[in-house]
Amino acid sequence: MENAMEFARVTAKGQATIPRRIREAAHIREGDMLAFELDSNNRITIKRIESSVDTELAALQETLSEWNSPQDEEAWRDL
């Protein structure tokens, strides 16, 4: 892959289209999960999350949902 800069315009909804060349080189497909990281120099890194990692995150979220109720929010609000 060449090291040429690619551009995308951000919409009013905060969406941008990943250029085709970048999608193809990174093997990004519809439905893939992406992770965004902002460093101290305001550089944004975007990484495609492997499906095995995505599955692990989904399993973790399911276990944490038991702590996500209005009663829990009330109990922990002032801590």
N, C-alpha and C. Protein backbone atom coordinates (compact mmCIF):
# COMPACT_ATOMS: atom_id res chain seq x y z
N MET A 1 0.85 -1.19 0.00
CA MET A 1 0.00 0.00 0.00
C MET A 1 0.88 1.23 0.00
N GLU A 2 0.58 2.14 -0.88
CA GLU A 2 1.29 3.41 -0.89
C GLU A 2 1.02 4.17 0.38
N ASN A 3 1.87 5.12 0.67
CA ASN A 3 1.72 5.92 1.88
C ASN A 3 1.02 7.25 1.59
N ALA A 4 0.15 7.28 0.59
CA ALA A 4 -0.55 8.51 0.22
C ALA A 4 -1.66 8.80 1.21
N MET A 5 -1.87 10.07 1.48
CA MET A 5 -2.92 10.51 2.40
C MET A 5 -4.27 10.33 1.75
N GLU A 6 -5.25 9.89 2.53
CA GLU A 6 -6.64 9.77 2.07
C GLU A 6 -7.49 10.73 2.89
N PHE A 7 -8.58 11.22 2.33
CA PHE A 7 -9.42 12.19 3.01
C PHE A 7 -10.88 11.74 3.04
N ALA A 8 -11.59 12.16 4.07
CA ALA A 8 -13.02 11.92 4.18
C ALA A 8 -13.63 13.10 4.92
N ARG A 9 -14.80 13.53 4.49
CA ARG A 9 -15.50 14.64 5.14
C ARG A 9 -16.44 14.07 6.20
N VAL A 10 -16.51 14.73 7.35
CA VAL A 10 -17.39 14.32 8.45
C VAL A 10 -18.75 14.96 8.24
N THR A 11 -19.80 14.16 8.38
CA THR A 11 -21.17 14.65 8.21
C THR A 11 -21.65 15.31 9.51
N ALA A 12 -22.83 15.90 9.44
CA ALA A 12 -23.43 16.54 10.63
C ALA A 12 -23.67 15.52 11.74
N LYS A 13 -23.81 14.25 11.39
CA LYS A 13 -24.02 13.20 12.39
C LYS A 13 -22.71 12.61 12.89
N GLY A 14 -21.58 13.19 12.50
CA GLY A 14 -20.29 12.69 12.96
C GLY A 14 -19.81 11.46 12.22
N GLN A 15 -20.34 11.21 11.04
CA GLN A 15 -19.97 10.02 10.27
C GLN A 15 -19.01 10.40 9.15
N ALA A 16 -18.13 9.46 8.82
CA ALA A 16 -17.21 9.62 7.69
C ALA A 16 -17.08 8.27 7.00
N THR A 17 -16.90 8.30 5.71
CA THR A 17 -16.70 7.07 4.95
C THR A 17 -15.21 6.76 4.90
N ILE A 18 -14.85 5.54 5.26
CA ILE A 18 -13.46 5.12 5.17
C ILE A 18 -13.16 4.87 3.70
N PRO A 19 -12.15 5.51 3.15
CA PRO A 19 -11.85 5.34 1.73
C PRO A 19 -11.64 3.86 1.36
N ARG A 20 -12.08 3.49 0.18
CA ARG A 20 -12.04 2.10 -0.28
C ARG A 20 -10.64 1.49 -0.16
N ARG A 21 -9.61 2.22 -0.59
CA ARG A 21 -8.25 1.69 -0.54
C ARG A 21 -7.85 1.32 0.88
N ILE A 22 -8.25 2.14 1.85
CA ILE A 22 -7.94 1.89 3.26
C ILE A 22 -8.74 0.68 3.76
N ARG A 23 -10.04 0.64 3.43
CA ARG A 23 -10.88 -0.50 3.84
C ARG A 23 -10.32 -1.82 3.31
N GLU A 24 -9.95 -1.81 2.05
CA GLU A 24 -9.44 -3.04 1.45
C GLU A 24 -8.10 -3.45 2.07
N ALA A 25 -7.20 -2.52 2.27
CA ALA A 25 -5.89 -2.83 2.84
C ALA A 25 -6.01 -3.33 4.27
N ALA A 26 -6.98 -2.79 5.04
CA ALA A 26 -7.16 -3.17 6.44
C ALA A 26 -8.17 -4.31 6.60
N HIS A 27 -8.71 -4.80 5.48
CA HIS A 27 -9.70 -5.89 5.50
C HIS A 27 -10.92 -5.53 6.35
N ILE A 28 -11.37 -4.29 6.22
CA ILE A 28 -12.55 -3.83 6.95
C ILE A 28 -13.78 -4.14 6.11
N ARG A 29 -14.73 -4.83 6.73
CA ARG A 29 -15.96 -5.23 6.06
C ARG A 29 -17.17 -4.69 6.82
N GLU A 30 -18.32 -4.69 6.17
CA GLU A 30 -19.56 -4.26 6.83
C GLU A 30 -19.78 -5.07 8.10
N GLY A 31 -20.09 -4.39 9.18
CA GLY A 31 -20.35 -5.05 10.46
C GLY A 31 -19.12 -5.20 11.34
N ASP A 32 -17.93 -4.92 10.81
CA ASP A 32 -16.72 -5.02 11.63
C ASP A 32 -16.74 -3.98 12.75
N MET A 33 -16.10 -4.31 13.85
CA MET A 33 -15.97 -3.39 14.98
C MET A 33 -14.63 -2.66 14.84
N LEU A 34 -14.67 -1.32 15.03
CA LEU A 34 -13.46 -0.51 14.97
C LEU A 34 -13.22 0.13 16.33
N ALA A 35 -11.95 0.28 16.70
CA ALA A 35 -11.58 0.95 17.95
C ALA A 35 -10.87 2.25 17.58
N PHE A 36 -11.20 3.33 18.29
CA PHE A 36 -10.60 4.64 18.06
C PHE A 36 -9.78 5.03 19.27
N GLU A 37 -8.58 5.56 19.04
CA GLU A 37 -7.72 6.01 20.14
C GLU A 37 -7.18 7.39 19.78
N LEU A 38 -7.21 8.30 20.73
CA LEU A 38 -6.70 9.65 20.55
C LEU A 38 -5.47 9.82 21.43
N ASP A 39 -4.32 10.18 20.84
CA ASP A 39 -3.12 10.34 21.65
C ASP A 39 -2.95 11.80 22.08
N SER A 40 -1.90 12.08 22.82
CA SER A 40 -1.70 13.42 23.38
C SER A 40 -1.41 14.47 22.31
N ASN A 41 -1.08 14.05 21.10
CA ASN A 41 -0.84 14.98 20.00
C ASN A 41 -2.06 15.12 19.09
N ASN A 42 -3.23 14.69 19.58
CA ASN A 42 -4.49 14.73 18.83
C ASN A 42 -4.44 13.90 17.55
N ARG A 43 -3.61 12.84 17.53
CA ARG A 43 -3.61 11.90 16.42
C ARG A 43 -4.61 10.80 16.75
N ILE A 44 -5.39 10.43 15.74
CA ILE A 44 -6.39 9.39 15.91
C ILE A 44 -5.88 8.11 15.26
N THR A 45 -5.93 7.04 16.00
CA THR A 45 -5.60 5.72 15.47
C THR A 45 -6.88 4.91 15.43
N ILE A 46 -7.12 4.27 14.30
CA ILE A 46 -8.29 3.42 14.14
C ILE A 46 -7.80 2.00 13.91
N LYS A 47 -8.34 1.06 14.69
CA LYS A 47 -7.95 -0.34 14.56
C LYS A 47 -9.19 -1.20 14.36
N ARG A 48 -9.07 -2.18 13.47
CA ARG A 48 -10.14 -3.15 13.29
C ARG A 48 -10.00 -4.18 14.40
N ILE A 49 -11.11 -4.46 15.09
CA ILE A 49 -11.10 -5.42 16.18
C ILE A 49 -11.37 -6.80 15.61
N GLU A 50 -10.49 -7.74 15.92
CA GLU A 50 -10.68 -9.12 15.47
C GLU A 50 -11.97 -9.68 16.07
N SER A 51 -12.65 -10.53 15.35
CA SER A 51 -13.94 -11.05 15.81
C SER A 51 -13.81 -11.80 17.14
N SER A 52 -12.67 -12.47 17.40
CA SER A 52 -12.50 -13.17 18.67
C SER A 52 -12.47 -12.19 19.83
N VAL A 53 -11.83 -11.03 19.63
CA VAL A 53 -11.81 -9.99 20.66
C VAL A 53 -13.20 -9.42 20.84
N ASP A 54 -13.91 -9.21 19.73
CA ASP A 54 -15.27 -8.68 19.76
C ASP A 54 -16.18 -9.63 20.54
N THR A 55 -16.03 -10.92 20.36
CA THR A 55 -16.82 -11.91 21.08
C THR A 55 -16.52 -11.85 22.57
N GLU A 56 -15.24 -11.70 22.91
CA GLU A 56 -14.86 -11.60 24.33
C GLU A 56 -15.45 -10.34 24.96
N LEU A 57 -15.42 -9.22 24.24
CA LEU A 57 -15.99 -7.98 24.76
C LEU A 57 -17.50 -8.12 24.97
N ALA A 58 -18.17 -8.76 24.02
CA ALA A 58 -19.62 -8.96 24.15
C ALA A 58 -19.93 -9.82 25.36
N ALA A 59 -19.14 -10.87 25.60
CA ALA A 59 -19.36 -11.74 26.76
C ALA A 59 -19.14 -10.96 28.05
N LEU A 60 -18.13 -10.10 28.09
CA LEU A 60 -17.87 -9.29 29.27
C LEU A 60 -19.02 -8.32 29.52
N GLN A 61 -19.51 -7.68 28.46
CA GLN A 61 -20.62 -6.75 28.62
C GLN A 61 -21.86 -7.43 29.18
N GLU A 62 -22.11 -8.66 28.77
CA GLU A 62 -23.27 -9.40 29.28
C GLU A 62 -23.15 -9.62 30.78
N THR A 63 -21.95 -9.91 31.27
CA THR A 63 -21.78 -10.15 32.71
C THR A 63 -21.91 -8.87 33.51
N LEU A 64 -21.57 -7.74 32.91
CA LEU A 64 -21.65 -6.47 33.63
C LEU A 64 -23.05 -5.88 33.63
N SER A 65 -23.93 -6.37 32.77
CA SER A 65 -25.27 -5.79 32.67
C SER A 65 -26.07 -5.97 33.95
N GLU A 66 -25.71 -6.96 34.76
CA GLU A 66 -26.44 -7.15 36.02
C GLU A 66 -26.26 -5.96 36.96
N TRP A 67 -25.24 -5.13 36.72
CA TRP A 67 -24.97 -3.96 37.58
C TRP A 67 -25.51 -2.68 36.96
N ASN A 68 -26.33 -2.80 35.95
CA ASN A 68 -26.80 -1.64 35.22
C ASN A 68 -28.31 -1.50 35.34
N SER A 69 -28.77 -1.18 36.53
CA SER A 69 -30.20 -0.99 36.75
C SER A 69 -30.43 0.36 37.41
N PRO A 70 -31.64 0.88 37.38
CA PRO A 70 -31.93 2.14 38.07
C PRO A 70 -31.61 2.06 39.57
N GLN A 71 -31.82 0.90 40.17
CA GLN A 71 -31.53 0.73 41.59
C GLN A 71 -30.02 0.84 41.85
N ASP A 72 -29.23 0.25 40.97
CA ASP A 72 -27.78 0.35 41.12
C ASP A 72 -27.32 1.79 40.94
N GLU A 73 -27.88 2.47 39.96
CA GLU A 73 -27.53 3.86 39.73
C GLU A 73 -27.83 4.70 40.98
N GLU A 74 -28.98 4.48 41.58
CA GLU A 74 -29.35 5.21 42.80
C GLU A 74 -28.39 4.88 43.94
N ALA A 75 -28.06 3.62 44.12
CA ALA A 75 -27.20 3.20 45.23
C ALA A 75 -25.77 3.74 45.09
N TRP A 76 -25.25 3.86 43.88
CA TRP A 76 -23.86 4.26 43.69
C TRP A 76 -23.69 5.74 43.33
N ARG A 77 -24.77 6.47 43.15
CA ARG A 77 -24.71 7.85 42.66
C ARG A 77 -23.80 8.75 43.48
N ASP A 78 -23.83 8.69 44.78
CA ASP A 78 -23.11 9.64 45.62
C ASP A 78 -21.69 9.20 45.98
N LEU A 79 -21.23 8.10 45.45
CA LEU A 79 -19.88 7.62 45.79
C LEU A 79 -18.82 8.34 45.03
